[in-house]
Amino acid sequence: MSEQKKGEQIIKSETKKNEPPRTPKRVIATAIALVIISIITCPETLQPTGKPSLQHVFYYGWISAVSTGLGVVPLVFAPDLDNYWIGVANGKYQKKILKRKVYRT
C-alpha cells in the first residue's frame, strides 16, 4: 500500500463521522494577526501629500502581499484539481504571454 493511502486511512480513522471539521486555532490566530497588523500600520491618509512616508510604502507593500496571498484561497476549497483544468489554465496563461511577445516585436 502506498504511503499516501496509508496517510489517508489514518486521517479517516482519526476523524469522527458526525463531527464537523474545525478550523485549526493557528489559522484563526494568523487571520487575526493579519487584520491587526493591517489596522495598526494603516496611515492616517491613504493618499500621501507630497513625498510618501515610510509608513505609506510599508502599508502599500503589506496590502499587496496580503492580496497576493489571498489568491491561494480558491485552492483551499479545491485542493485536488483535475489535470484537464490545470492544462486549460496553463494554456490560457501561455496564450497571454505569447500575445505579449508578438506585439513587442
PDB file of N, CA and C in Angstrom:
ATOM      1  N   MET A   1       0.854  -1.182   0.000  1.00  0.00           N
ATOM      2  CA  MET A   1       0.000   0.000   0.000  1.00  0.00           C
ATOM      3  C   MET A   1       0.892   1.235   0.000  1.00  0.00           C
ATOM      4  N   SER A   2       0.523   2.225  -0.785  1.00  0.00           N
ATOM      5  CA  SER A   2       1.359   3.414  -0.895  1.00  0.00           C
ATOM      6  C   SER A   2       1.267   4.262   0.375  1.00  0.00           C
ATOM      7  N   GLU A   3       2.261   5.110   0.540  1.00  0.00           N
ATOM      8  CA  GLU A   3       2.321   5.979   1.728  1.00  0.00           C
ATOM      9  C   GLU A   3       1.128   6.930   1.781  1.00  0.00           C
ATOM     10  N   GLN A   4       0.703   7.416   0.616  1.00  0.00           N
ATOM     11  CA  GLN A   4      -0.415   8.365   0.571  1.00  0.00           C
ATOM     12  C   GLN A   4      -1.699   7.698   1.041  1.00  0.00           C
ATOM     13  N   LYS A   5      -1.948   6.474   0.613  1.00  0.00           N
ATOM     14  CA  LYS A   5      -3.159   5.758   1.020  1.00  0.00           C
ATOM     15  C   LYS A   5      -3.143   5.457   2.513  1.00  0.00           C
ATOM     16  N   LYS A   6      -1.964   5.108   3.036  1.00  0.00           N
ATOM     17  CA  LYS A   6      -1.855   4.861   4.474  1.00  0.00           C
ATOM     18  C   LYS A   6      -2.191   6.126   5.262  1.00  0.00           C
ATOM     19  N   GLY A   7      -1.661   7.255   4.783  1.00  0.00           N
ATOM     20  CA  GLY A   7      -1.927   8.528   5.442  1.00  0.00           C
ATOM     21  C   GLY A   7      -3.400   8.889   5.400  1.00  0.00           C
ATOM     22  N   GLU A   8      -4.049   8.641   4.257  1.00  0.00           N
ATOM     23  CA  GLU A   8      -5.471   8.940   4.135  1.00  0.00           C
ATOM     24  C   GLU A   8      -6.296   8.068   5.072  1.00  0.00           C
ATOM     25  N   GLN A   9      -5.907   6.802   5.217  1.00  0.00           N
ATOM     26  CA  GLN A   9      -6.635   5.904   6.108  1.00  0.00           C
ATOM     27  C   GLN A   9      -6.489   6.336   7.558  1.00  0.00           C
ATOM     28  N   ILE A  10      -5.306   6.791   7.928  1.00  0.00           N
ATOM     29  CA  ILE A  10      -5.083   7.255   9.305  1.00  0.00           C
ATOM     30  C   ILE A  10      -5.934   8.481   9.574  1.00  0.00           C
ATOM     31  N   ILE A  11      -5.963   9.413   8.639  1.00  0.00           N
ATOM     32  CA  ILE A  11      -6.758  10.632   8.810  1.00  0.00           C
ATOM     33  C   ILE A  11      -8.235  10.280   8.922  1.00  0.00           C
ATOM     34  N   LYS A  12      -8.717   9.391   8.061  1.00  0.00           N
ATOM     35  CA  LYS A  12     -10.130   8.997   8.094  1.00  0.00           C
ATOM     36  C   LYS A  12     -10.480   8.297   9.394  1.00  0.00           C
ATOM     37  N   SER A  13      -9.584   7.459   9.908  1.00  0.00           N
ATOM     38  CA  SER A  13      -9.893   6.731  11.132  1.00  0.00           C
ATOM     39  C   SER A  13      -9.858   7.643  12.356  1.00  0.00           C
ATOM     40  N   GLU A  14      -9.048   8.713  12.286  1.00  0.00           N
ATOM     41  CA  GLU A  14      -8.959   9.623  13.421  1.00  0.00           C
ATOM     42  C   GLU A  14     -10.127  10.597  13.481  1.00  0.00           C
ATOM     43  N   THR A  15     -10.763  10.859  12.341  1.00  0.00           N
ATOM     44  CA  THR A  15     -11.869  11.808  12.306  1.00  0.00           C
ATOM     45  C   THR A  15     -13.160  11.104  12.707  1.00  0.00           C
ATOM     46  N   LYS A  16     -13.929  11.769  13.522  1.00  0.00           N
ATOM     47  CA  LYS A  16     -15.207  11.217  13.908  1.00  0.00           C
ATOM     48  C   LYS A  16     -16.217  11.481  12.798  1.00  0.00           C
ATOM     49  N   LYS A  17     -17.129  10.538  12.604  1.00  0.00           N
ATOM     50  CA  LYS A  17     -18.054  10.629  11.475  1.00  0.00           C
ATOM     51  C   LYS A  17     -19.044  11.776  11.603  1.00  0.00           C
ATOM     52  N   ASN A  18     -19.550  12.035  12.776  1.00  0.00           N
ATOM     53  CA  ASN A  18     -20.591  13.050  12.939  1.00  0.00           C
ATOM     54  C   ASN A  18     -20.053  14.420  13.318  1.00  0.00           C
ATOM     55  N   GLU A  19     -18.780  14.514  13.524  1.00  0.00           N
ATOM     56  CA  GLU A  19     -18.186  15.792  13.949  1.00  0.00           C
ATOM     57  C   GLU A  19     -17.809  16.628  12.736  1.00  0.00           C
ATOM     58  N   PRO A  20     -18.285  17.891  12.656  1.00  0.00           N
ATOM     59  CA  PRO A  20     -17.915  18.740  11.519  1.00  0.00           C
ATOM     60  C   PRO A  20     -16.441  19.131  11.606  1.00  0.00           C
ATOM     61  N   PRO A  21     -15.807  19.394  10.474  1.00  0.00           N
ATOM     62  CA  PRO A  21     -14.398  19.802  10.510  1.00  0.00           C
ATOM     63  C   PRO A  21     -14.256  21.153  11.197  1.00  0.00           C
ATOM     64  N   ARG A  22     -13.172  21.305  11.938  1.00  0.00           N
ATOM     65  CA  ARG A  22     -12.929  22.547  12.673  1.00  0.00           C
ATOM     66  C   ARG A  22     -11.711  23.265  12.103  1.00  0.00           C
ATOM     67  N   THR A  23     -11.773  24.569  12.162  1.00  0.00           N
ATOM     68  CA  THR A  23     -10.639  25.382  11.728  1.00  0.00           C
ATOM     69  C   THR A  23      -9.581  25.349  12.822  1.00  0.00           C
ATOM     70  N   PRO A  24      -8.330  25.020  12.465  1.00  0.00           N
ATOM     71  CA  PRO A  24      -7.269  24.990  13.480  1.00  0.00           C
ATOM     72  C   PRO A  24      -7.069  26.366  14.121  1.00  0.00           C
ATOM     73  N   LYS A  25      -6.694  26.360  15.375  1.00  0.00           N
ATOM     74  CA  LYS A  25      -6.502  27.611  16.119  1.00  0.00           C
ATOM     75  C   LYS A  25      -5.388  28.466  15.529  1.00  0.00           C
ATOM     76  N   ARG A  26      -4.371  27.839  14.969  1.00  0.00           N
ATOM     77  CA  ARG A  26      -3.266  28.623  14.390  1.00  0.00           C
ATOM     78  C   ARG A  26      -3.724  29.403  13.156  1.00  0.00           C
ATOM     79  N   VAL A  27      -4.691  28.859  12.408  1.00  0.00           N
ATOM     80  CA  VAL A  27      -5.226  29.563  11.242  1.00  0.00           C
ATOM     81  C   VAL A  27      -6.017  30.788  11.696  1.00  0.00           C
ATOM     82  N   ILE A  28      -6.819  30.612  12.726  1.00  0.00           N
ATOM     83  CA  ILE A  28      -7.596  31.726  13.276  1.00  0.00           C
ATOM     84  C   ILE A  28      -6.659  32.796  13.831  1.00  0.00           C
ATOM     85  N   ALA A  29      -5.623  32.372  14.543  1.00  0.00           N
ATOM     86  CA  ALA A  29      -4.659  33.321  15.119  1.00  0.00           C
ATOM     87  C   ALA A  29      -3.927  34.088  14.017  1.00  0.00           C
ATOM     88  N   THR A  30      -3.578  33.402  12.929  1.00  0.00           N
ATOM     89  CA  THR A  30      -2.902  34.062  11.816  1.00  0.00           C
ATOM     90  C   THR A  30      -3.814  35.097  11.162  1.00  0.00           C
ATOM     91  N   ALA A  31      -5.072  34.755  10.969  1.00  0.00           N
ATOM     92  CA  ALA A  31      -6.023  35.699  10.365  1.00  0.00           C
ATOM     93  C   ALA A  31      -6.198  36.931  11.249  1.00  0.00           C
ATOM     94  N   ILE A  32      -6.295  36.712  12.545  1.00  0.00           N
ATOM     95  CA  ILE A  32      -6.433  37.834  13.479  1.00  0.00           C
ATOM     96  C   ILE A  32      -5.179  38.711  13.446  1.00  0.00           C
ATOM     97  N   ALA A  33      -4.005  38.077  13.387  1.00  0.00           N
ATOM     98  CA  ALA A  33      -2.751  38.840  13.329  1.00  0.00           C
ATOM     99  C   ALA A  33      -2.680  39.684  12.053  1.00  0.00           C
ATOM    100  N   LEU A  34      -3.115  39.121  10.928  1.00  0.00           N
ATOM    101  CA  LEU A  34      -3.114  39.879   9.672  1.00  0.00           C
ATOM    102  C   LEU A  34      -4.013  41.103   9.760  1.00  0.00           C
ATOM    103  N   VAL A  35      -5.181  40.933  10.343  1.00  0.00           N
ATOM    104  CA  VAL A  35      -6.117  42.051  10.482  1.00  0.00           C
ATOM    105  C   VAL A  35      -5.535  43.114  11.407  1.00  0.00           C
ATOM    106  N   ILE A  36      -4.961  42.696  12.530  1.00  0.00           N
ATOM    107  CA  ILE A  36      -4.394  43.645  13.493  1.00  0.00           C
ATOM    108  C   ILE A  36      -3.240  44.432  12.859  1.00  0.00           C
ATOM    109  N   ILE A  37      -2.342  43.740  12.172  1.00  0.00           N
ATOM    110  CA  ILE A  37      -1.221  44.431  11.523  1.00  0.00           C
ATOM    111  C   ILE A  37      -1.735  45.419  10.480  1.00  0.00           C
ATOM    112  N   SER A  38      -2.764  45.013   9.727  1.00  0.00           N
ATOM    113  CA  SER A  38      -3.325  45.907   8.702  1.00  0.00           C
ATOM    114  C   SER A  38      -3.939  47.152   9.319  1.00  0.00           C
ATOM    115  N   ILE A  39      -4.590  47.009  10.444  1.00  0.00           N
ATOM    116  CA  ILE A  39      -5.225  48.157  11.112  1.00  0.00           C
ATOM    117  C   ILE A  39      -4.175  49.064  11.742  1.00  0.00           C
ATOM    118  N   ILE A  40      -3.206  48.482  12.413  1.00  0.00           N
ATOM    119  CA  ILE A  40      -2.191  49.279  13.119  1.00  0.00           C
ATOM    120  C   ILE A  40      -1.305  50.053  12.145  1.00  0.00           C
ATOM    121  N   THR A  41      -0.933  49.446  11.042  1.00  0.00           N
ATOM    122  CA  THR A  41       0.011  50.099  10.132  1.00  0.00           C
ATOM    123  C   THR A  41      -0.651  51.023   9.121  1.00  0.00           C
ATOM    124  N   CYS A  42      -1.969  51.093   9.116  1.00  0.00           N
ATOM    125  CA  CYS A  42      -2.665  51.956   8.157  1.00  0.00           C
ATOM    126  C   CYS A  42      -2.339  53.429   8.440  1.00  0.00           C
ATOM    127  N   PRO A  43      -1.833  54.144   7.429  1.00  0.00           N
ATOM    128  CA  PRO A  43      -1.538  55.563   7.641  1.00  0.00           C
ATOM    129  C   PRO A  43      -2.828  56.372   7.781  1.00  0.00           C
ATOM    130  N   GLU A  44      -2.709  57.569   8.362  1.00  0.00           N
ATOM    131  CA  GLU A  44      -3.892  58.422   8.568  1.00  0.00           C
ATOM    132  C   GLU A  44      -4.606  58.702   7.254  1.00  0.00           C
ATOM    133  N   THR A  45      -3.848  59.147   6.269  1.00  0.00           N
ATOM    134  CA  THR A  45      -4.431  59.382   4.948  1.00  0.00           C
ATOM    135  C   THR A  45      -3.803  58.390   3.986  1.00  0.00           C
ATOM    136  N   LEU A  46      -4.631  57.733   3.208  1.00  0.00           N
ATOM    137  CA  LEU A  46      -4.095  56.762   2.263  1.00  0.00           C
ATOM    138  C   LEU A  46      -3.436  57.432   1.068  1.00  0.00           C
ATOM    139  N   GLN A  47      -3.815  58.660   0.783  1.00  0.00           N
ATOM    140  CA  GLN A  47      -3.209  59.411  -0.305  1.00  0.00           C
ATOM    141  C   GLN A  47      -2.185  60.371   0.284  1.00  0.00           C
ATOM    142  N   PRO A  48      -0.887  60.096   0.096  1.00  0.00           N
ATOM    143  CA  PRO A  48       0.110  60.986   0.692  1.00  0.00           C
ATOM    144  C   PRO A  48       0.152  62.339  -0.013  1.00  0.00           C
ATOM    145  N   THR A  49       0.410  63.378   0.766  1.00  0.00           N
ATOM    146  CA  THR A  49       0.604  64.703   0.182  1.00  0.00           C
ATOM    147  C   THR A  49       2.103  64.918   0.058  1.00  0.00           C
ATOM    148  N   GLY A  50       2.552  65.151  -1.147  1.00  0.00           N
ATOM    149  CA  GLY A  50       3.988  65.291  -1.374  1.00  0.00           C
ATOM    150  C   GLY A  50       4.659  63.934  -1.435  1.00  0.00           C
ATOM    151  N   LYS A  51       5.806  63.857  -0.786  1.00  0.00           N
ATOM    152  CA  LYS A  51       6.589  62.636  -0.799  1.00  0.00           C
ATOM    153  C   LYS A  51       5.955  61.597   0.148  1.00  0.00           C
ATOM    154  N   PRO A  52       5.746  60.349  -0.316  1.00  0.00           N
ATOM    155  CA  PRO A  52       5.149  59.350   0.576  1.00  0.00           C
ATOM    156  C   PRO A  52       6.095  58.985   1.726  1.00  0.00           C
ATOM    157  N   SER A  53       5.494  58.748   2.874  1.00  0.00           N
ATOM    158  CA  SER A  53       6.298  58.396   4.046  1.00  0.00           C
ATOM    159  C   SER A  53       6.635  56.903   4.020  1.00  0.00           C
ATOM    160  N   LEU A  54       7.516  56.518   4.919  1.00  0.00           N
ATOM    161  CA  LEU A  54       7.888  55.110   5.054  1.00  0.00           C
ATOM    162  C   LEU A  54       6.658  54.267   5.422  1.00  0.00           C
ATOM    163  N   GLN A  55       5.766  54.846   6.220  1.00  0.00           N
ATOM    164  CA  GLN A  55       4.552  54.138   6.614  1.00  0.00           C
ATOM    165  C   GLN A  55       3.667  53.853   5.399  1.00  0.00           C
ATOM    166  N   HIS A  56       3.563  54.821   4.471  1.00  0.00           N
ATOM    167  CA  HIS A  56       2.788  54.598   3.250  1.00  0.00           C
ATOM    168  C   HIS A  56       3.385  53.466   2.415  1.00  0.00           C
ATOM    169  N   VAL A  57       4.688  53.507   2.238  1.00  0.00           N
ATOM    170  CA  VAL A  57       5.364  52.499   1.427  1.00  0.00           C
ATOM    171  C   VAL A  57       5.187  51.116   2.048  1.00  0.00           C
ATOM    172  N   PHE A  58       5.380  51.011   3.373  1.00  0.00           N
ATOM    173  CA  PHE A  58       5.207  49.727   4.046  1.00  0.00           C
ATOM    174  C   PHE A  58       3.777  49.229   3.897  1.00  0.00           C
ATOM    175  N   TYR A  59       2.808  50.111   4.106  1.00  0.00           N
ATOM    176  CA  TYR A  59       1.400  49.701   4.070  1.00  0.00           C
ATOM    177  C   TYR A  59       0.996  49.230   2.677  1.00  0.00           C
ATOM    178  N   TYR A  60       1.416  49.941   1.637  1.00  0.00           N
ATOM    179  CA  TYR A  60       1.071  49.525   0.276  1.00  0.00           C
ATOM    180  C   TYR A  60       1.720  48.175  -0.050  1.00  0.00           C
ATOM    181  N   GLY A  61       2.946  47.977   0.385  1.00  0.00           N
ATOM    182  CA  GLY A  61       3.606  46.675   0.196  1.00  0.00           C
ATOM    183  C   GLY A  61       2.901  45.579   0.970  1.00  0.00           C
ATOM    184  N   TRP A  62       2.475  45.896   2.199  1.00  0.00           N
ATOM    185  CA  TRP A  62       1.769  44.935   3.039  1.00  0.00           C
ATOM    186  C   TRP A  62       0.451  44.511   2.389  1.00  0.00           C
ATOM    187  N   ILE A  63      -0.322  45.471   1.924  1.00  0.00           N
ATOM    188  CA  ILE A  63      -1.605  45.169   1.287  1.00  0.00           C
ATOM    189  C   ILE A  63      -1.378  44.357   0.015  1.00  0.00           C
ATOM    190  N   SER A  64      -0.332  44.677  -0.727  1.00  0.00           N
ATOM    191  CA  SER A  64      -0.016  43.922  -1.935  1.00  0.00           C
ATOM    192  C   SER A  64       0.321  42.469  -1.593  1.00  0.00           C
ATOM    193  N   ALA A  65       1.107  42.260  -0.551  1.00  0.00           N
ATOM    194  CA  ALA A  65       1.479  40.899  -0.145  1.00  0.00           C
ATOM    195  C   ALA A  65       0.272  40.114   0.348  1.00  0.00           C
ATOM    196  N   VAL A  66      -0.572  40.741   1.136  1.00  0.00           N
ATOM    197  CA  VAL A  66      -1.774  40.064   1.637  1.00  0.00           C
ATOM    198  C   VAL A  66      -2.706  39.723   0.479  1.00  0.00           C
ATOM    199  N   SER A  67      -2.861  40.632  -0.461  1.00  0.00           N
ATOM    200  CA  SER A  67      -3.719  40.373  -1.618  1.00  0.00           C
ATOM    201  C   SER A  67      -3.190  39.215  -2.457  1.00  0.00           C
ATOM    202  N   THR A  68      -1.887  39.164  -2.624  1.00  0.00           N
ATOM    203  CA  THR A  68      -1.277  38.060  -3.367  1.00  0.00           C
ATOM    204  C   THR A  68      -1.524  36.743  -2.646  1.00  0.00           C
ATOM    205  N   GLY A  69      -1.400  36.757  -1.336  1.00  0.00           N
ATOM    206  CA  GLY A  69      -1.644  35.551  -0.554  1.00  0.00           C
ATOM    207  C   GLY A  69      -3.088  35.084  -0.626  1.00  0.00           C
ATOM    208  N   LEU A  70      -4.018  36.018  -0.778  1.00  0.00           N
ATOM    209  CA  LEU A  70      -5.429  35.647  -0.877  1.00  0.00           C
ATOM    210  C   LEU A  70      -5.742  34.924  -2.185  1.00  0.00           C
ATOM    211  N   GLY A  71      -4.850  35.020  -3.138  1.00  0.00           N
ATOM    212  CA  GLY A  71      -5.055  34.328  -4.403  1.00  0.00           C
ATOM    213  C   GLY A  71      -5.053  32.820  -4.270  1.00  0.00           C
ATOM    214  N   VAL A  72      -4.521  32.303  -3.183  1.00  0.00           N
ATOM    215  CA  VAL A  72      -4.478  30.862  -2.975  1.00  0.00           C
ATOM    216  C   VAL A  72      -5.756  30.328  -2.325  1.00  0.00           C
ATOM    217  N   VAL A  73      -6.630  31.202  -1.875  1.00  0.00           N
ATOM    218  CA  VAL A  73      -7.855  30.773  -1.184  1.00  0.00           C
ATOM    219  C   VAL A  73      -8.702  29.805  -2.017  1.00  0.00           C
ATOM    220  N   PRO A  74      -8.899  30.033  -3.316  1.00  0.00           N
ATOM    221  CA  PRO A  74      -9.692  29.053  -4.074  1.00  0.00           C
ATOM    222  C   PRO A  74      -9.095  27.649  -4.057  1.00  0.00           C
ATOM    223  N   LEU A  75      -7.773  27.543  -3.960  1.00  0.00           N
ATOM    224  CA  LEU A  75      -7.146  26.227  -3.923  1.00  0.00           C
ATOM    225  C   LEU A  75      -7.404  25.496  -2.612  1.00  0.00           C
ATOM    226  N   VAL A  76      -7.772  26.229  -1.581  1.00  0.00           N
ATOM    227  CA  VAL A  76      -8.126  25.589  -0.315  1.00  0.00           C
ATOM    228  C   VAL A  76      -9.422  24.797  -0.475  1.00  0.00           C
ATOM    229  N   PHE A  77     -10.336  25.331  -1.268  1.00  0.00           N
ATOM    230  CA  PHE A  77     -11.628  24.678  -1.466  1.00  0.00           C
ATOM    231  C   PHE A  77     -11.575  23.607  -2.545  1.00  0.00           C
ATOM    232  N   ALA A  78     -10.581  23.637  -3.411  1.00  0.00           N
ATOM    233  CA  ALA A  78     -10.438  22.630  -4.464  1.00  0.00           C
ATOM    234  C   ALA A  78      -8.986  22.173  -4.528  1.00  0.00           C
ATOM    235  N   PRO A  79      -8.513  21.435  -3.515  1.00  0.00           N
ATOM    236  CA  PRO A  79      -7.099  21.061  -3.485  1.00  0.00           C
ATOM    237  C   PRO A  79      -6.704  20.046  -4.558  1.00  0.00           C
ATOM    238  N   ASP A  80      -7.642  19.203  -4.991  1.00  0.00           N
ATOM    239  CA  ASP A  80      -7.332  18.195  -6.000  1.00  0.00           C
ATOM    240  C   ASP A  80      -7.931  18.603  -7.332  1.00  0.00           C
ATOM    241  N   LEU A  81      -7.164  19.359  -8.097  1.00  0.00           N
ATOM    242  CA  LEU A  81      -7.628  19.813  -9.391  1.00  0.00           C
ATOM    243  C   LEU A  81      -7.400  18.731 -10.437  1.00  0.00           C
ATOM    244  N   ASP A  82      -8.337  18.605 -11.347  1.00  0.00           N
ATOM    245  CA  ASP A  82      -8.211  17.667 -12.447  1.00  0.00           C
ATOM    246  C   ASP A  82      -7.122  18.168 -13.391  1.00  0.00           C
ATOM    247  N   ASN A  83      -6.369  17.262 -13.971  1.00  0.00           N
ATOM    248  CA  ASN A  83      -5.294  17.652 -14.891  1.00  0.00           C
ATOM    249  C   ASN A  83      -5.822  18.445 -16.078  1.00  0.00           C
ATOM    250  N   TYR A  84      -7.051  18.175 -16.491  1.00  0.00           N
ATOM    251  CA  TYR A  84      -7.649  18.911 -17.601  1.00  0.00           C
ATOM    252  C   TYR A  84      -7.703  20.402 -17.285  1.00  0.00           C
ATOM    253  N   TRP A  85      -8.182  20.760 -16.087  1.00  0.00           N
ATOM    254  CA  TRP A  85      -8.330  22.178 -15.737  1.00  0.00           C
ATOM    255  C   TRP A  85      -6.987  22.851 -15.508  1.00  0.00           C
ATOM    256  N   ILE A  86      -6.026  22.105 -15.024  1.00  0.00           N
ATOM    257  CA  ILE A  86      -4.672  22.661 -14.891  1.00  0.00           C
ATOM    258  C   ILE A  86      -4.121  22.986 -16.280  1.00  0.00           C
ATOM    259  N   GLY A  87      -4.369  22.086 -17.240  1.00  0.00           N
ATOM    260  CA  GLY A  87      -3.931  22.315 -18.622  1.00  0.00           C
ATOM    261  C   GLY A  87      -4.609  23.527 -19.242  1.00  0.00           C
ATOM    262  N   VAL A  88      -5.913  23.679 -18.984  1.00  0.00           N
ATOM    263  CA  VAL A  88      -6.647  24.831 -19.514  1.00  0.00           C
ATOM    264  C   VAL A  88      -6.064  26.130 -18.953  1.00  0.00           C
ATOM    265  N   ALA A  89      -5.823  26.162 -17.650  1.00  0.00           N
ATOM    266  CA  ALA A  89      -5.275  27.368 -17.022  1.00  0.00           C
ATOM    267  C   ALA A  89      -3.885  27.682 -17.569  1.00  0.00           C
ATOM    268  N   ASN A  90      -3.044  26.668 -17.705  1.00  0.00           N
ATOM    269  CA  ASN A  90      -1.696  26.891 -18.242  1.00  0.00           C
ATOM    270  C   ASN A  90      -1.745  27.343 -19.692  1.00  0.00           C
ATOM    271  N   GLY A  91      -2.669  26.768 -20.467  1.00  0.00           N
ATOM    272  CA  GLY A  91      -2.803  27.161 -21.867  1.00  0.00           C
ATOM    273  C   GLY A  91      -3.218  28.613 -22.019  1.00  0.00           C
ATOM    274  N   LYS A  92      -4.171  29.050 -21.192  1.00  0.00           N
ATOM    275  CA  LYS A  92      -4.614  30.447 -21.256  1.00  0.00           C
ATOM    276  C   LYS A  92      -3.475  31.388 -20.875  1.00  0.00           C
ATOM    277  N   TYR A  93      -2.681  31.000 -19.875  1.00  0.00           N
ATOM    278  CA  TYR A  93      -1.558  31.825 -19.451  1.00  0.00           C
ATOM    279  C   TYR A  93      -0.515  31.916 -20.566  1.00  0.00           C
ATOM    280  N   GLN A  94      -0.196  30.791 -21.180  1.00  0.00           N
ATOM    281  CA  GLN A  94       0.796  30.785 -22.254  1.00  0.00           C
ATOM    282  C   GLN A  94       0.327  31.611 -23.445  1.00  0.00           C
ATOM    283  N   LYS A  95      -0.967  31.540 -23.748  1.00  0.00           N
ATOM    284  CA  LYS A  95      -1.517  32.330 -24.849  1.00  0.00           C
ATOM    285  C   LYS A  95      -1.341  33.826 -24.565  1.00  0.00           C
ATOM    286  N   LYS A  96      -1.575  34.193 -23.307  1.00  0.00           N
ATOM    287  CA  LYS A  96      -1.422  35.592 -22.901  1.00  0.00           C
ATOM    288  C   LYS A  96       0.031  36.039 -23.064  1.00  0.00           C
ATOM    289  N   ILE A  97       0.966  35.197 -22.655  1.00  0.00           N
ATOM    290  CA  ILE A  97       2.393  35.520 -22.758  1.00  0.00           C
ATOM    291  C   ILE A  97       2.808  35.630 -24.226  1.00  0.00           C
ATOM    292  N   LEU A  98       2.331  34.693 -25.042  1.00  0.00           N
ATOM    293  CA  LEU A  98       2.693  34.732 -26.466  1.00  0.00           C
ATOM    294  C   LEU A  98       2.169  35.987 -27.146  1.00  0.00           C
ATOM    295  N   LYS A  99       0.975  36.432 -26.792  1.00  0.00           N
ATOM    296  CA  LYS A  99       0.442  37.660 -27.373  1.00  0.00           C
ATOM    297  C   LYS A  99       1.339  38.844 -27.034  1.00  0.00           C
ATOM    298  N   ARG A 100       1.816  38.890 -25.811  1.00  0.00           N
ATOM    299  CA  ARG A 100       2.711  39.997 -25.423  1.00  0.00           C
ATOM    300  C   ARG A 100       3.983  39.982 -26.241  1.00  0.00           C
ATOM    301  N   LYS A 101       4.550  38.790 -26.465  1.00  0.00           N
ATOM    302  CA  LYS A 101       5.794  38.693 -27.217  1.00  0.00           C
ATOM    303  C   LYS A 101       5.593  39.092 -28.664  1.00  0.00           C
ATOM    304  N   VAL A 102       4.459  38.716 -29.248  1.00  0.00           N
ATOM    305  CA  VAL A 102       4.187  39.040 -30.660  1.00  0.00           C
ATOM    306  C   VAL A 102       4.044  40.543 -30.830  1.00  0.00           C
ATOM    307  N   TYR A 103       3.356  41.202 -29.913  1.00  0.00           N
ATOM    308  CA  TYR A 103       3.138  42.648 -30.041  1.00  0.00           C
ATOM    309  C   TYR A 103       4.398  43.460 -29.774  1.00  0.00           C
ATOM    310  N   ARG A 104       5.337  42.907 -29.051  1.00  0.00           N
ATOM    311  CA  ARG A 104       6.570  43.642 -28.746  1.00  0.00           C
ATOM    312  C   ARG A 104       7.515  43.677 -29.931  1.00  0.00           C
ATOM    313  N   THR A 105       7.452  42.669 -30.786  1.00  0.00           N
ATOM    314  CA  THR A 105       8.424  42.608 -31.897  1.00  0.00           C
ATOM    315  C   THR A 105       7.965  43.386 -33.096  1.00  0.00           C
TER     316      THR A 105
END
